[in-house]
C-alpha cells in the first residue's frame, strides 16, 4: 500500500505553523468557528421566540437529534480514517 508522503508533509507543516498548543486557544483564533457559534446562538434565540405547538417543537427536536447523530457518525468515520493513516505512517517509518 503506497501513501502519498505529501499529505504527511502538509500535516507536519500545519502542526509546526500553529501558534497555540491547546484546542481552546486554537478555537479562539478560528474566525469561522467563532462566526458559526454566534450565528447558532442567534438562531437559537429566534427559535425560542417562535410560537410553536408542542408537536412542532417535538418534530424540530427529532430533526436536530437526527442531524447530530449523523454528524457523530461522520466524526467517528473521520477519526478512524485518521488513526488508520497514522498507523500506516508508523508502519512505513518502521519499514514493516
Protein backbone atom coordinates (compact mmCIF):
# COMPACT_ATOMS: atom_id res chain seq x y z
CA UNK A 1 0.00 0.00 0.00
CA UNK A 2 1.56 3.28 -1.11
CA UNK A 3 0.67 6.53 0.63
CA UNK A 4 1.35 9.93 -0.78
CA UNK A 5 4.01 11.42 1.53
CA UNK A 6 2.96 14.95 0.51
CA UNK A 7 -0.09 14.55 2.77
CA UNK A 8 2.18 13.95 5.73
CA UNK A 9 4.36 16.92 4.84
CA UNK A 10 1.29 19.15 4.66
CA UNK A 11 0.12 17.86 8.03
CA UNK A 12 3.56 18.45 9.56
CA UNK A 13 3.65 21.97 8.13
CA UNK A 14 0.23 22.67 9.63
CA UNK A 15 1.31 21.44 13.05
CA UNK A 16 4.55 23.43 13.04
CA UNK A 17 2.75 26.63 12.00
CA UNK A 18 0.31 26.50 14.93
CA UNK A 19 0.76 29.31 17.39
CA UNK A 20 -1.10 27.68 20.27
CA UNK A 21 -0.75 24.33 21.95
CA UNK A 22 -4.28 23.55 23.03
CA UNK A 23 -7.70 23.25 21.45
CA UNK A 24 -9.27 26.15 23.36
CA UNK A 25 -6.62 28.62 22.18
CA UNK A 26 -6.91 27.40 18.59
CA UNK A 27 -10.71 27.67 18.66
CA UNK A 28 -10.46 31.24 19.95
CA UNK A 29 -8.37 32.08 16.87
CA UNK A 30 -10.66 30.24 14.43
CA UNK A 31 -12.82 33.02 12.99
CA UNK A 32 -15.06 30.61 11.05
CA UNK A 33 -15.84 28.66 14.23
CA UNK A 34 -16.50 31.83 16.21
CA UNK A 35 -18.79 33.20 13.48
CA UNK A 36 -20.70 29.90 13.32
CA UNK A 37 -21.11 29.90 17.11
CA UNK A 38 -22.50 33.44 17.10
CA UNK A 39 -24.92 32.57 14.29
CA UNK A 40 -26.02 29.43 16.13
CA UNK A 41 -26.76 31.43 19.27
CA UNK A 42 -28.74 34.00 17.27
CA UNK A 43 -30.79 31.26 15.60
CA UNK A 44 -31.40 29.62 18.97
CA UNK A 45 -32.75 32.90 20.35
CA UNK A 46 -35.04 33.26 17.32
CA UNK A 47 -36.25 29.67 17.80
CA UNK A 48 -37.11 30.36 21.44
CA UNK A 49 -39.25 33.34 20.38
CA UNK A 50 -41.34 31.30 17.91
CA UNK A 51 -44.88 30.42 18.94
CA UNK A 52 -44.76 26.70 18.14
CA UNK A 53 -47.00 23.91 19.31
CA UNK A 54 -45.58 21.05 21.34
CA UNK A 55 -45.89 18.79 18.29
CA UNK A 56 -43.94 21.24 16.11
CA UNK A 57 -41.21 21.55 18.77
CA UNK A 58 -41.04 17.75 19.05
CA UNK A 59 -40.56 17.41 15.27
CA UNK A 60 -37.81 20.04 15.27
CA UNK A 61 -36.04 18.34 18.20
CA UNK A 62 -36.21 14.98 16.40
CA UNK A 63 -34.73 16.63 13.32
CA UNK A 64 -31.90 18.13 15.40
CA UNK A 65 -31.24 14.76 17.04
CA UNK A 66 -31.03 13.09 13.62
CA UNK A 67 -28.58 15.71 12.34
CA UNK A 68 -26.41 15.38 15.46
CA UNK A 69 -26.42 11.58 15.17
CA UNK A 70 -25.31 11.84 11.54
CA UNK A 71 -22.54 14.29 12.45
CA UNK A 72 -21.37 11.96 15.23
CA UNK A 73 -21.23 9.06 12.81
CA UNK A 74 -19.21 11.11 10.32
CA UNK A 75 -16.86 12.23 13.09
CA UNK A 76 -16.25 8.62 14.10
CA UNK A 77 -15.50 7.67 10.49
CA UNK A 78 -13.06 10.56 10.03
CA UNK A 79 -11.36 9.72 13.34
CA UNK A 80 -10.98 6.08 12.32
CA UNK A 81 -9.56 7.06 8.95
CA UNK A 82 -7.09 9.37 10.68
CA UNK A 83 -5.99 6.60 13.03
CA UNK A 84 -5.53 4.20 10.11
CA UNK A 85 -3.45 6.83 8.35
CA UNK A 86 -1.27 7.32 11.43
CA UNK A 87 -0.73 3.59 11.88
CA UNK A 88 0.09 3.23 8.21
CA UNK A 89 2.66 6.01 8.52
CA UNK A 90 4.20 4.35 11.57
CA UNK A 91 4.40 1.06 9.73
CA UNK A 92 6.12 2.76 6.79
CA UNK A 93 8.53 4.56 9.07
CA UNK A 94 9.38 1.29 10.80
CA UNK A 95 9.76 -0.47 7.43
CA UNK A 96 7.30 -3.19 8.42
